[in-house]
């Protein structure tokens, strides 16, 4: 997806970019939880949706700053703000890690990258059986919006807003898989 054109790397992402990224993330999580709650309709749906909401928000807004962001180049850069803004949270919560450890975010079956992807895909998968058990037009709309948000993330946010301008693209497995940075 990289174009070969020289693109500026951001030390401080614009507030609008951070809001787009986090807005899409929060919308995905909230709609996913609501979709499961409405789709299953019984206590099972409420438990499943609630557990999903807790898992996804903790994974993104607690686990990432504590385990991943501390190793990112944005943690060290003065006056920096990454695409999620979580480097700012990480600086206040944990000690600096090692930039060399940043690539570990994609190693192992339950690595942070896989947990992040699971938090985006799980509600889409979980809502399908709910629709089979009890069709609901509202839940179909939620499912379509979730798929749209996932596609928006992968085809717009990552390649055109986030990874394109990220200073970590040379060490980030996600950015390298999309053709950004050096494939070392």
Protein backbone atom coordinates (compact mmCIF):
# COMPACT_ATOMS: atom_id res chain seq x y z
CA UNK A 1 0.00 0.00 0.00
CA UNK A 2 2.97 2.29 0.32
CA UNK A 3 3.12 4.61 -2.66
CA UNK A 4 6.81 5.35 -2.94
CA UNK A 5 6.09 9.05 -2.46
CA UNK A 6 7.84 10.76 0.40
CA UNK A 7 5.38 11.34 3.21
CA UNK A 8 5.88 13.32 6.37
CA UNK A 9 6.14 11.36 9.56
CA UNK A 10 4.29 12.87 12.48
CA UNK A 11 5.71 13.41 15.91
CA UNK A 12 2.34 14.72 17.03
CA UNK A 13 -0.77 13.45 15.25
CA UNK A 14 -3.48 16.03 14.80
CA UNK A 15 -6.34 15.98 17.25
CA UNK A 16 -8.72 15.19 14.38
CA UNK A 17 -6.71 12.05 13.51
CA UNK A 18 -6.73 10.91 17.15
CA UNK A 19 -10.48 11.53 17.36
CA UNK A 20 -11.15 9.60 14.14
CA UNK A 21 -9.07 6.66 15.37
CA UNK A 22 -10.56 6.55 18.86
CA UNK A 23 -14.06 7.40 17.66
CA UNK A 24 -14.03 4.44 15.29
CA UNK A 25 -12.61 2.21 18.02
CA UNK A 26 -15.13 3.20 20.70
CA UNK A 27 -18.02 3.04 18.21
CA UNK A 28 -16.94 -0.47 17.18
CA UNK A 29 -16.74 -1.69 20.77
CA UNK A 30 -20.01 -0.11 21.89
CA UNK A 31 -21.95 -1.25 18.84
CA UNK A 32 -20.46 -4.73 19.17
CA UNK A 33 -21.59 -5.00 22.78
CA UNK A 34 -25.04 -3.60 22.02
CA UNK A 35 -25.38 -5.88 19.00
CA UNK A 36 -24.71 -8.96 21.12
CA UNK A 37 -27.07 -7.78 23.86
CA UNK A 38 -29.91 -7.07 21.42
CA UNK A 39 -29.15 -10.04 19.20
CA UNK A 40 -29.37 -12.66 21.90
CA UNK A 41 -31.90 -10.71 23.92
CA UNK A 42 -31.71 -12.85 27.02
CA UNK A 43 -29.34 -12.77 29.96
CA UNK A 44 -26.82 -14.61 27.75
CA UNK A 45 -26.68 -11.65 25.38
CA UNK A 46 -26.25 -9.19 28.23
CA UNK A 47 -23.47 -11.26 29.78
CA UNK A 48 -21.74 -11.83 26.43
CA UNK A 49 -22.08 -8.18 25.40
CA UNK A 50 -20.92 -6.91 28.79
CA UNK A 51 -17.93 -9.26 28.88
CA UNK A 52 -17.00 -8.18 25.38
CA UNK A 53 -17.21 -4.49 26.32
CA UNK A 54 -15.04 -5.04 29.40
CA UNK A 55 -12.51 -7.13 27.45
CA UNK A 56 -12.25 -4.78 24.48
CA UNK A 57 -11.93 -1.57 26.49
CA UNK A 58 -9.39 -3.11 28.88
CA UNK A 59 -7.41 -4.59 26.00
CA UNK A 60 -7.22 -1.27 24.16
CA UNK A 61 -7.16 1.36 26.85
CA UNK A 62 -5.35 -0.48 29.69
CA UNK A 63 -3.36 -3.38 28.27
CA UNK A 64 -1.97 -1.50 25.27
CA UNK A 65 -0.63 1.49 27.26
CA UNK A 66 0.82 -0.79 29.94
CA UNK A 67 2.41 -3.40 27.67
CA UNK A 68 2.86 -2.00 24.16
CA UNK A 69 2.98 1.80 24.25
CA UNK A 70 5.85 1.87 26.75
CA UNK A 71 8.04 0.30 24.04
CA UNK A 72 6.95 2.61 21.22
CA UNK A 73 9.09 5.44 19.86
CA UNK A 74 6.24 7.84 20.68
CA UNK A 75 6.78 7.18 24.38
CA UNK A 76 10.26 8.74 24.14
CA UNK A 77 9.59 11.62 21.77
CA UNK A 78 9.15 15.03 23.35
CA UNK A 79 5.77 16.67 22.75
CA UNK A 80 4.55 13.61 20.86
CA UNK A 81 1.11 12.10 20.43
CA UNK A 82 0.57 8.84 18.57
CA UNK A 83 -2.53 8.08 16.52
CA UNK A 84 -4.37 6.71 19.57
CA UNK A 85 -2.92 9.18 22.06
CA UNK A 86 -2.20 6.24 24.35
CA UNK A 87 1.49 7.10 24.53
CA UNK A 88 0.41 9.98 26.80
CA UNK A 89 -1.40 7.55 29.11
CA UNK A 90 1.52 5.15 29.07
CA UNK A 91 4.01 7.84 30.09
CA UNK A 92 1.94 8.58 33.18
CA UNK A 93 1.31 4.94 34.10
CA UNK A 94 4.45 2.90 33.49
CA UNK A 95 8.20 3.16 33.11
CA UNK A 96 9.76 3.37 29.67
CA UNK A 97 10.36 0.06 27.95
CA UNK A 98 12.62 -0.93 25.08
CA UNK A 99 11.96 0.12 21.49
CA UNK A 100 13.41 -3.25 20.44
CA UNK A 101 10.56 -4.93 22.34
CA UNK A 102 7.90 -3.06 20.34
CA UNK A 103 7.87 -5.67 17.60
CA UNK A 104 6.89 -8.28 20.21
CA UNK A 105 3.37 -6.85 20.02
CA UNK A 106 2.85 -9.32 17.14
CA UNK A 107 4.53 -12.41 18.59
CA UNK A 108 2.59 -15.33 20.01
CA UNK A 109 -1.02 -16.46 19.77
CA UNK A 110 -2.30 -14.09 22.48
CA UNK A 111 -0.06 -11.16 21.62
CA UNK A 112 -1.45 -7.62 21.85
CA UNK A 113 -1.97 -7.42 18.06
CA UNK A 114 -4.04 -10.60 18.04
CA UNK A 115 -6.09 -9.46 21.04
CA UNK A 116 -6.71 -6.15 19.29
CA UNK A 117 -7.85 -7.87 16.08
CA UNK A 118 -9.99 -10.29 18.10
CA UNK A 119 -11.71 -7.36 19.80
CA UNK A 120 -12.69 -6.05 16.38
CA UNK A 121 -13.72 -9.32 14.75
CA UNK A 122 -15.41 -11.09 17.67
CA UNK A 123 -18.65 -9.08 17.71
CA UNK A 124 -19.11 -9.59 13.97
CA UNK A 125 -18.78 -13.35 14.40
CA UNK A 126 -20.85 -13.43 17.60
CA UNK A 127 -23.78 -11.51 16.10
CA UNK A 128 -24.28 -13.92 13.17
CA UNK A 129 -25.64 -16.81 15.32
CA UNK A 130 -27.89 -14.32 17.13
CA UNK A 131 -29.40 -13.34 13.80
CA UNK A 132 -29.91 -16.98 12.89
CA UNK A 133 -31.67 -17.64 16.20
CA UNK A 134 -33.80 -14.52 16.13
CA UNK A 135 -33.70 -12.15 13.17
CA UNK A 136 -33.74 -8.45 13.92
CA UNK A 137 -33.42 -5.64 11.36
CA UNK A 138 -31.74 -3.43 13.97
CA UNK A 139 -29.11 -6.09 14.68
CA UNK A 140 -28.52 -6.48 10.93
CA UNK A 141 -27.89 -2.72 10.73
CA UNK A 142 -25.46 -2.97 13.65
CA UNK A 143 -23.68 -5.87 11.96
CA UNK A 144 -23.37 -3.93 8.68
CA UNK A 145 -22.05 -0.88 10.55
CA UNK A 146 -19.50 -3.06 12.39
CA UNK A 147 -18.29 -4.52 9.10
CA UNK A 148 -18.11 -1.00 7.68
CA UNK A 149 -16.09 0.23 10.67
CA UNK A 150 -13.70 -2.71 10.30
CA UNK A 151 -13.22 -2.00 6.59
CA UNK A 152 -12.84 1.74 7.31
CA UNK A 153 -10.09 0.91 9.82
CA UNK A 154 -8.19 -1.37 7.44
CA UNK A 155 -8.62 0.60 4.22
CA UNK A 156 -8.68 4.21 5.45
CA UNK A 157 -7.45 4.69 9.01
CA UNK A 158 -4.40 2.43 8.89
CA UNK A 159 -3.06 3.14 5.40
CA UNK A 160 -4.11 6.79 4.97
CA UNK A 161 -4.19 8.30 8.46
CA UNK A 162 -2.22 6.20 10.94
CA UNK A 163 0.57 4.04 9.51
CA UNK A 164 1.36 6.38 6.63
CA UNK A 165 2.62 9.06 9.04
CA UNK A 166 3.82 6.88 11.94
CA UNK A 167 7.38 7.21 13.21
CA UNK A 168 7.28 3.57 14.35
CA UNK A 169 6.63 2.14 10.89
CA UNK A 170 10.16 0.70 10.59
CA UNK A 171 9.70 -1.42 13.71
CA UNK A 172 5.95 -2.00 13.69
CA UNK A 173 4.91 -5.41 12.32
CA UNK A 174 1.50 -4.04 11.33
CA UNK A 175 2.96 -1.15 9.32
CA UNK A 176 5.54 -3.38 7.64
CA UNK A 177 2.85 -5.88 6.65
CA UNK A 178 1.10 -3.05 4.82
CA UNK A 179 4.28 -2.03 2.98
CA UNK A 180 5.34 0.90 5.14
CA UNK A 181 8.82 1.27 6.59
CA UNK A 182 11.78 -0.93 5.86
CA UNK A 183 11.24 -4.66 5.68
CA UNK A 184 14.17 -5.71 7.81
